[in-house]
Amino acid sequence: MRRVDAALPITRLNGLPSPRSTKAGASRALLRGASVTPWFGAALLAGATAWADPRSELIERIDALTHLAAEFTQKQHDPSGVLLEEAKGFIRLQRPKLRWEVVSPYPQVVVADQNEFKVYDPDLEQVIVRPLGEALQDTPLALLTRSTLSLSDDYEVRTLGNGAYSLRPASDSALIAEIVLSFADKTLQAIDLRDPLGHTTHIRFRRFQDVSVIQSADFGLDLPAGVEFY
């Protein structure tokens, strides 16, 4: 099974270095798109009123997501449904700060604070640094890290039933064709992404923890000597 990047399917990094094209390509899936996003144990989402439109309902749910601590599994498939990669890791969210860490099969850490977005790859011994606004513009992670959320008319928002919401960009040039956020018991349970070519990424959250486990150190990087910055 080829190596792809499981850490970045929630963001969009332009101008990534290309030591590993397959990993970098798959990693952009979550970085780009209409959304980001994410998942928690004790973090409760405000219930949407029955008469609210889908856009207002979704904004209300995401705005209430200020903290999240959970594990995740992530699967990426090609258009025919063949599994390309399966990864697992954990997330820590304390808006606007976020840590998305892949534990296996290949370690990688994504850290976002108020100003910068960093991707640390231990295998390559490198850190990619970008301004936060540039890296997360119109991406799934942007939904999670912004202090206020505004879903513009550039996206069609609709309900799919059973707590699921679909976001589709109006632009034909968008890098993500559809994002689906699924909630259960007022908690974000899943994120599904589809690109224009039919590749899909499926993220499932589990083993939610109390937000008291989140520490300030979670949003920094403990780097060994010799790491290169890009």
C-alpha atoms as a PDB file:
ATOM      1  CA  MET A   1       0.000   0.000   0.000  1.00  0.00           C
ATOM      2  CA  ARG A   2       1.511   3.327  -1.000  1.00  0.00           C
ATOM      3  CA  ARG A   3       2.297   6.033   1.486  1.00  0.00           C
ATOM      4  CA  VAL A   4       0.000   9.039   1.468  1.00  0.00           C
ATOM      5  CA  ASP A   5      -0.441  11.959   3.819  1.00  0.00           C
ATOM      6  CA  ALA A   6      -3.189  11.566   6.375  1.00  0.00           C
ATOM      7  CA  ALA A   7      -2.500  14.730   8.282  1.00  0.00           C
ATOM      8  CA  LEU A   8      -3.330  17.295   5.664  1.00  0.00           C
ATOM      9  CA  PRO A   9      -6.631  16.229   4.194  1.00  0.00           C
ATOM     10  CA  ILE A  10      -8.113  19.041   6.260  1.00  0.00           C
ATOM     11  CA  THR A  11      -6.189  21.964   4.889  1.00  0.00           C
ATOM     12  CA  ARG A  12      -4.793  23.454   1.734  1.00  0.00           C
ATOM     13  CA  LEU A  13      -1.103  24.254   1.492  1.00  0.00           C
ATOM     14  CA  ASN A  14      -0.040  25.913  -1.715  1.00  0.00           C
ATOM     15  CA  GLY A  15       3.546  25.421  -2.792  1.00  0.00           C
ATOM     16  CA  LEU A  16       4.301  22.368  -0.687  1.00  0.00           C
ATOM     17  CA  PRO A  17       7.766  20.918  -1.190  1.00  0.00           C
ATOM     18  CA  SER A  18       7.626  17.711  -3.193  1.00  0.00           C
ATOM     19  CA  PRO A  19       9.917  15.084  -1.626  1.00  0.00           C
ATOM     20  CA  ARG A  20       6.931  12.735  -1.709  1.00  0.00           C
ATOM     21  CA  SER A  21       4.306  13.616  -4.234  1.00  0.00           C
ATOM     22  CA  THR A  22       1.821  10.909  -3.291  1.00  0.00           C
ATOM     23  CA  LYS A  23       1.834  11.775   0.372  1.00  0.00           C
ATOM     24  CA  ALA A  24       1.655  15.510  -0.208  1.00  0.00           C
ATOM     25  CA  GLY A  25      -1.143  15.115  -2.748  1.00  0.00           C
ATOM     26  CA  ALA A  26      -3.431  13.127  -0.514  1.00  0.00           C
ATOM     27  CA  SER A  27      -2.615  15.342   2.425  1.00  0.00           C
ATOM     28  CA  ARG A  28      -4.075  18.378   0.716  1.00  0.00           C
ATOM     29  CA  ALA A  29      -7.560  16.895   0.637  1.00  0.00           C
ATOM     30  CA  LEU A  30      -8.517  18.073   4.095  1.00  0.00           C
ATOM     31  CA  LEU A  31      -6.547  21.257   3.886  1.00  0.00           C
ATOM     32  CA  ARG A  32      -8.511  22.457   0.955  1.00  0.00           C
ATOM     33  CA  GLY A  33     -12.182  22.688   0.303  1.00  0.00           C
ATOM     34  CA  ALA A  34     -15.177  24.500   1.703  1.00  0.00           C
ATOM     35  CA  SER A  35     -14.783  23.695   5.237  1.00  0.00           C
ATOM     36  CA  VAL A  36     -12.484  21.685   8.413  1.00  0.00           C
ATOM     37  CA  THR A  37     -13.439  20.778  11.065  1.00  0.00           C
ATOM     38  CA  PRO A  38     -13.604  18.341  14.007  1.00  0.00           C
ATOM     39  CA  TRP A  39     -14.734  16.352  17.129  1.00  0.00           C
ATOM     40  CA  PHE A  40     -14.951  16.045  20.755  1.00  0.00           C
ATOM     41  CA  GLY A  41     -15.761  14.391  23.921  1.00  0.00           C
ATOM     42  CA  ALA A  42     -17.203  16.866  26.305  1.00  0.00           C
ATOM     43  CA  ALA A  43     -17.507  19.732  23.873  1.00  0.00           C
ATOM     44  CA  LEU A  44     -21.205  20.233  23.293  1.00  0.00           C
ATOM     45  CA  LEU A  45     -22.736  21.762  20.222  1.00  0.00           C
ATOM     46  CA  ALA A  46     -25.723  24.032  20.473  1.00  0.00           C
ATOM     47  CA  GLY A  47     -28.936  22.436  19.270  1.00  0.00           C
ATOM     48  CA  ALA A  48     -30.387  23.997  16.150  1.00  0.00           C
ATOM     49  CA  THR A  49     -33.950  25.199  16.235  1.00  0.00           C
ATOM     50  CA  ALA A  50     -36.406  23.181  14.215  1.00  0.00           C
ATOM     51  CA  TRP A  51     -37.367  26.150  12.050  1.00  0.00           C
ATOM     52  CA  ALA A  52     -33.826  27.274  11.171  1.00  0.00           C
ATOM     53  CA  ASP A  53     -32.570  26.915   7.612  1.00  0.00           C
ATOM     54  CA  PRO A  54     -29.738  24.407   6.986  1.00  0.00           C
ATOM     55  CA  ARG A  55     -27.073  27.128   6.777  1.00  0.00           C
ATOM     56  CA  SER A  56     -28.101  28.679  10.099  1.00  0.00           C
ATOM     57  CA  GLU A  57     -28.357  25.271  11.750  1.00  0.00           C
ATOM     58  CA  LEU A  58     -24.851  24.310  10.694  1.00  0.00           C
ATOM     59  CA  ILE A  59     -23.337  27.643  11.724  1.00  0.00           C
ATOM     60  CA  GLU A  60     -24.977  27.336  15.135  1.00  0.00           C
ATOM     61  CA  ARG A  61     -23.567  23.848  15.639  1.00  0.00           C
ATOM     62  CA  ILE A  62     -20.032  24.746  14.552  1.00  0.00           C
ATOM     63  CA  ASP A  63     -19.957  28.034  16.475  1.00  0.00           C
ATOM     64  CA  ALA A  64     -20.612  26.055  19.647  1.00  0.00           C
ATOM     65  CA  LEU A  65     -17.655  23.780  18.963  1.00  0.00           C
ATOM     66  CA  THR A  66     -14.904  25.547  20.892  1.00  0.00           C
ATOM     67  CA  HIS A  67     -13.099  22.539  22.412  1.00  0.00           C
ATOM     68  CA  LEU A  68     -12.552  18.947  21.303  1.00  0.00           C
ATOM     69  CA  ALA A  69     -10.391  16.035  22.409  1.00  0.00           C
ATOM     70  CA  ALA A  70     -10.779  12.726  20.592  1.00  0.00           C
ATOM     71  CA  GLU A  71      -9.124  10.030  18.528  1.00  0.00           C
ATOM     72  CA  PHE A  72      -9.810   9.641  14.821  1.00  0.00           C
ATOM     73  CA  THR A  73      -9.562   7.075  12.062  1.00  0.00           C
ATOM     74  CA  GLN A  74      -9.156   8.191   8.461  1.00  0.00           C
ATOM     75  CA  LYS A  75      -9.610   6.217   5.256  1.00  0.00           C
ATOM     76  CA  GLN A  76      -8.882   7.406   1.736  1.00  0.00           C
ATOM     77  CA  HIS A  77     -10.357   5.692  -1.333  1.00  0.00           C
ATOM     78  CA  ASP A  78      -9.934   6.090  -5.070  1.00  0.00           C
ATOM     79  CA  PRO A  79     -12.986   6.704  -7.318  1.00  0.00           C
ATOM     80  CA  SER A  80     -13.602   2.947  -7.647  1.00  0.00           C
ATOM     81  CA  GLY A  81     -13.662   2.502  -3.867  1.00  0.00           C
ATOM     82  CA  VAL A  82     -10.213   0.920  -3.503  1.00  0.00           C
ATOM     83  CA  LEU A  83      -8.625   1.725  -0.148  1.00  0.00           C
ATOM     84  CA  LEU A  84      -5.495   3.837  -0.629  1.00  0.00           C
ATOM     85  CA  GLU A  85      -4.593   4.495   2.976  1.00  0.00           C
ATOM     86  CA  GLU A  86      -5.881   4.002   6.500  1.00  0.00           C
ATOM     87  CA  ALA A  87      -4.531   6.131   9.325  1.00  0.00           C
ATOM     88  CA  LYS A  88      -5.290   6.917  12.934  1.00  0.00           C
ATOM     89  CA  GLY A  89      -4.404   9.652  15.364  1.00  0.00           C
ATOM     90  CA  PHE A  90      -5.895  12.243  17.690  1.00  0.00           C
ATOM     91  CA  ILE A  91      -7.150  15.820  17.693  1.00  0.00           C
ATOM     92  CA  ARG A  92      -6.993  18.603  20.247  1.00  0.00           C
ATOM     93  CA  LEU A  93      -9.049  21.733  19.623  1.00  0.00           C
ATOM     94  CA  GLN A  94      -9.117  24.854  21.761  1.00  0.00           C
ATOM     95  CA  ARG A  95     -10.334  27.429  19.310  1.00  0.00           C
ATOM     96  CA  PRO A  96      -8.566  29.017  17.521  1.00  0.00           C
ATOM     97  CA  LYS A  97      -5.723  26.587  18.343  1.00  0.00           C
ATOM     98  CA  LEU A  98      -5.666  23.071  16.921  1.00  0.00           C
ATOM     99  CA  ARG A  99      -3.445  19.992  16.904  1.00  0.00           C
ATOM    100  CA  TRP A 100      -4.097  17.172  14.402  1.00  0.00           C
ATOM    101  CA  GLU A 101      -1.617  14.347  14.942  1.00  0.00           C
ATOM    102  CA  VAL A 102      -1.346  11.181  12.877  1.00  0.00           C
ATOM    103  CA  VAL A 103       0.144   8.325  14.907  1.00  0.00           C
ATOM    104  CA  SER A 104       0.145   5.572  12.290  1.00  0.00           C
ATOM    105  CA  PRO A 105       1.072   4.386   9.757  1.00  0.00           C
ATOM    106  CA  TYR A 106       3.333   7.434   9.285  1.00  0.00           C
ATOM    107  CA  PRO A 107       3.661  10.056  12.024  1.00  0.00           C
ATOM    108  CA  GLN A 108       2.844  13.639  11.195  1.00  0.00           C
ATOM    109  CA  VAL A 109       1.731  16.646  13.251  1.00  0.00           C
ATOM    110  CA  VAL A 110      -0.353  19.627  12.167  1.00  0.00           C
ATOM    111  CA  VAL A 111      -0.460  22.580  14.577  1.00  0.00           C
ATOM    112  CA  ALA A 112      -2.432  25.790  14.119  1.00  0.00           C
ATOM    113  CA  ASP A 113      -2.411  28.798  16.403  1.00  0.00           C
ATOM    114  CA  GLN A 114      -3.717  32.333  15.954  1.00  0.00           C
ATOM    115  CA  ASN A 115      -1.052  33.259  13.420  1.00  0.00           C
ATOM    116  CA  GLU A 116       0.683  30.243  11.868  1.00  0.00           C
ATOM    117  CA  PHE A 117      -0.023  26.816  10.451  1.00  0.00           C
ATOM    118  CA  LYS A 118       2.758  24.238  10.830  1.00  0.00           C
ATOM    119  CA  VAL A 119       3.164  20.707   9.484  1.00  0.00           C
ATOM    120  CA  TYR A 120       5.908  18.597  11.051  1.00  0.00           C
ATOM    121  CA  ASP A 121       7.049  15.420   9.327  1.00  0.00           C
ATOM    122  CA  PRO A 122       9.443  13.399  11.536  1.00  0.00           C
ATOM    123  CA  ASP A 123      10.443  11.067   8.685  1.00  0.00           C
ATOM    124  CA  LEU A 124      11.491  13.938   6.443  1.00  0.00           C
ATOM    125  CA  GLU A 125      12.833  15.950   9.377  1.00  0.00           C
ATOM    126  CA  GLN A 126      11.106  19.065   8.111  1.00  0.00           C
ATOM    127  CA  VAL A 127       8.513  21.616   9.174  1.00  0.00           C
ATOM    128  CA  ILE A 128       6.352  23.534   6.708  1.00  0.00           C
ATOM    129  CA  VAL A 129       5.185  26.915   8.026  1.00  0.00           C
ATOM    130  CA  ARG A 130       2.491  29.085   6.452  1.00  0.00           C
ATOM    131  CA  PRO A 131       0.398  32.063   7.591  1.00  0.00           C
ATOM    132  CA  LEU A 132      -2.788  30.674   9.082  1.00  0.00           C
ATOM    133  CA  GLY A 133      -5.120  32.564   6.768  1.00  0.00           C
ATOM    134  CA  GLU A 134      -3.259  31.371   3.672  1.00  0.00           C
ATOM    135  CA  ALA A 135      -3.135  27.723   4.729  1.00  0.00           C
ATOM    136  CA  LEU A 136      -6.718  27.384   5.930  1.00  0.00           C
ATOM    137  CA  GLN A 137      -8.581  29.581   3.474  1.00  0.00           C
ATOM    138  CA  ASP A 138     -11.811  27.835   2.451  1.00  0.00           C
ATOM    139  CA  THR A 139     -10.850  24.523   4.052  1.00  0.00           C
ATOM    140  CA  PRO A 140     -12.469  22.087   6.457  1.00  0.00           C
ATOM    141  CA  LEU A 141     -10.050  23.044   9.245  1.00  0.00           C
ATOM    142  CA  ALA A 142     -11.090  26.651   8.896  1.00  0.00           C
ATOM    143  CA  LEU A 143     -14.526  25.702  10.206  1.00  0.00           C
ATOM    144  CA  LEU A 144     -12.925  24.548  13.427  1.00  0.00           C
ATOM    145  CA  THR A 145     -10.376  27.220  14.084  1.00  0.00           C
ATOM    146  CA  ARG A 146     -12.238  30.421  13.253  1.00  0.00           C
ATOM    147  CA  SER A 147     -13.656  32.287  16.239  1.00  0.00           C
ATOM    148  CA  THR A 148     -16.637  33.280  14.120  1.00  0.00           C
ATOM    149  CA  LEU A 149     -18.011  31.379  11.160  1.00  0.00           C
ATOM    150  CA  SER A 150     -19.651  32.745   8.048  1.00  0.00           C
ATOM    151  CA  LEU A 151     -20.769  30.347   5.337  1.00  0.00           C
ATOM    152  CA  SER A 152     -21.061  32.588   2.303  1.00  0.00           C
ATOM    153  CA  ASP A 153     -23.352  32.069  -0.655  1.00  0.00           C
ATOM    154  CA  ASP A 154     -20.352  30.529  -2.406  1.00  0.00           C
ATOM    155  CA  TYR A 155     -21.470  27.259  -0.818  1.00  0.00           C
ATOM    156  CA  GLU A 156     -24.700  25.345  -1.008  1.00  0.00           C
ATOM    157  CA  VAL A 157     -25.638  23.962   2.412  1.00  0.00           C
ATOM    158  CA  ARG A 158     -28.317  21.333   2.822  1.00  0.00           C
ATOM    159  CA  THR A 159     -29.367  18.720   5.334  1.00  0.00           C
ATOM    160  CA  LEU A 160     -29.066  15.024   4.531  1.00  0.00           C
ATOM    161  CA  GLY A 161     -31.043  13.827   7.532  1.00  0.00           C
ATOM    162  CA  ASN A 162     -29.869  12.123  10.715  1.00  0.00           C
ATOM    163  CA  GLY A 163     -27.739  15.112  11.714  1.00  0.00           C
ATOM    164  CA  ALA A 164     -25.680  15.270   8.497  1.00  0.00           C
ATOM    165  CA  TYR A 165     -24.988  18.459   6.505  1.00  0.00           C
ATOM    166  CA  SER A 166     -23.627  18.727   2.971  1.00  0.00           C
ATOM    167  CA  LEU A 167     -21.524  21.682   1.783  1.00  0.00           C
ATOM    168  CA  ARG A 168     -20.917  22.074  -1.946  1.00  0.00           C
ATOM    169  CA  PRO A 169     -18.943  24.976  -3.422  1.00  0.00           C
ATOM    170  CA  ALA A 170     -20.598  26.925  -6.218  1.00  0.00           C
ATOM    171  CA  SER A 171     -17.321  27.361  -8.088  1.00  0.00           C
ATOM    172  CA  ASP A 172     -16.419  24.768 -10.714  1.00  0.00           C
ATOM    173  CA  SER A 173     -12.741  25.266  -9.861  1.00  0.00           C
ATOM    174  CA  ALA A 174     -13.063  24.261  -6.199  1.00  0.00           C
ATOM    175  CA  LEU A 175     -10.630  21.572  -5.037  1.00  0.00           C
ATOM    176  CA  ILE A 176     -13.263  19.847  -2.911  1.00  0.00           C
ATOM    177  CA  ALA A 177     -16.576  18.903  -4.531  1.00  0.00           C
ATOM    178  CA  GLU A 178     -18.442  18.119  -1.314  1.00  0.00           C
ATOM    179  CA  ILE A 179     -17.939  18.074   2.447  1.00  0.00           C
ATOM    180  CA  VAL A 180     -20.343  16.227   4.725  1.00  0.00           C
ATOM    181  CA  LEU A 181     -20.352  16.910   8.474  1.00  0.00           C
ATOM    182  CA  SER A 182     -22.276  14.411  10.581  1.00  0.00           C
ATOM    183  CA  PHE A 183     -23.475  15.046  14.130  1.00  0.00           C
ATOM    184  CA  ALA A 184     -24.961  12.711  16.737  1.00  0.00           C
ATOM    185  CA  ASP A 185     -26.194  13.770  20.159  1.00  0.00           C
ATOM    186  CA  LYS A 186     -24.921  17.300  19.421  1.00  0.00           C
ATOM    187  CA  THR A 187     -21.378  16.006  18.852  1.00  0.00           C
ATOM    188  CA  LEU A 188     -19.487  15.982  15.570  1.00  0.00           C
ATOM    189  CA  GLN A 189     -18.960  12.320  14.703  1.00  0.00           C
ATOM    190  CA  ALA A 190     -17.678  12.266  11.124  1.00  0.00           C
ATOM    191  CA  ILE A 191     -16.293  14.253   8.204  1.00  0.00           C
ATOM    192  CA  ASP A 192     -16.508  12.996   4.624  1.00  0.00           C
ATOM    193  CA  LEU A 193     -14.759  14.682   1.692  1.00  0.00           C
ATOM    194  CA  ARG A 194     -15.081  14.110  -2.052  1.00  0.00           C
ATOM    195  CA  ASP A 195     -12.908  15.749  -4.701  1.00  0.00           C
ATOM    196  CA  PRO A 196     -14.016  16.498  -8.295  1.00  0.00           C
ATOM    197  CA  LEU A 197     -12.387  13.271  -9.542  1.00  0.00           C
ATOM    198  CA  GLY A 198     -14.272  11.092  -7.083  1.00  0.00           C
ATOM    199  CA  HIS A 199     -11.547  10.416  -4.504  1.00  0.00           C
ATOM    200  CA  THR A 200     -12.975  10.280  -0.993  1.00  0.00           C
ATOM    201  CA  THR A 201     -11.685  10.756   2.548  1.00  0.00           C
ATOM    202  CA  HIS A 202     -13.687   9.416   5.494  1.00  0.00           C
ATOM    203  CA  ILE A 203     -12.849  10.577   9.031  1.00  0.00           C
ATOM    204  CA  ARG A 204     -14.512   9.081  12.094  1.00  0.00           C
ATOM    205  CA  PHE A 205     -14.091  10.350  15.664  1.00  0.00           C
ATOM    206  CA  ARG A 206     -14.123   8.067  18.674  1.00  0.00           C
ATOM    207  CA  ARG A 207     -13.012   7.760  22.301  1.00  0.00           C
ATOM    208  CA  PHE A 208     -13.996  11.306  23.128  1.00  0.00           C
ATOM    209  CA  GLN A 209     -12.277  12.750  26.174  1.00  0.00           C
ATOM    210  CA  ASP A 210     -13.113  15.512  28.607  1.00  0.00           C
ATOM    211  CA  VAL A 211     -11.678  18.806  27.374  1.00  0.00           C
ATOM    212  CA  SER A 212      -9.712  19.084  30.630  1.00  0.00           C
ATOM    213  CA  VAL A 213      -7.061  16.845  29.004  1.00  0.00           C
ATOM    214  CA  ILE A 214      -6.162  19.680  26.604  1.00  0.00           C
ATOM    215  CA  GLN A 215      -2.920  21.409  27.605  1.00  0.00           C
ATOM    216  CA  SER A 216      -1.244  24.521  26.238  1.00  0.00           C
ATOM    217  CA  ALA A 217       1.760  22.353  25.253  1.00  0.00           C
ATOM    218  CA  ASP A 218      -0.478  20.492  22.791  1.00  0.00           C
ATOM    219  CA  PHE A 219      -0.252  23.437  20.401  1.00  0.00           C
ATOM    220  CA  GLY A 220       3.524  23.586  20.217  1.00  0.00           C
ATOM    221  CA  LEU A 221       6.131  21.405  18.510  1.00  0.00           C
ATOM    222  CA  ASP A 222       8.952  19.656  20.371  1.00  0.00           C
ATOM    223  CA  LEU A 223      11.496  19.452  17.569  1.00  0.00           C
ATOM    224  CA  PRO A 224      14.868  17.670  17.527  1.00  0.00           C
ATOM    225  CA  ALA A 225      18.019  19.417  16.377  1.00  0.00           C
ATOM    226  CA  GLY A 226      18.579  19.582  12.634  1.00  0.00           C
ATOM    227  CA  VAL A 227      14.974  19.919  11.509  1.00  0.00           C
ATOM    228  CA  GLU A 228      14.612  22.026   8.355  1.00  0.00           C
ATOM    229  CA  PHE A 229      11.978  24.732   7.939  1.00  0.00           C
ATOM    230  CA  TYR A 230      10.189  25.597   4.696  1.00  0.00           C
END
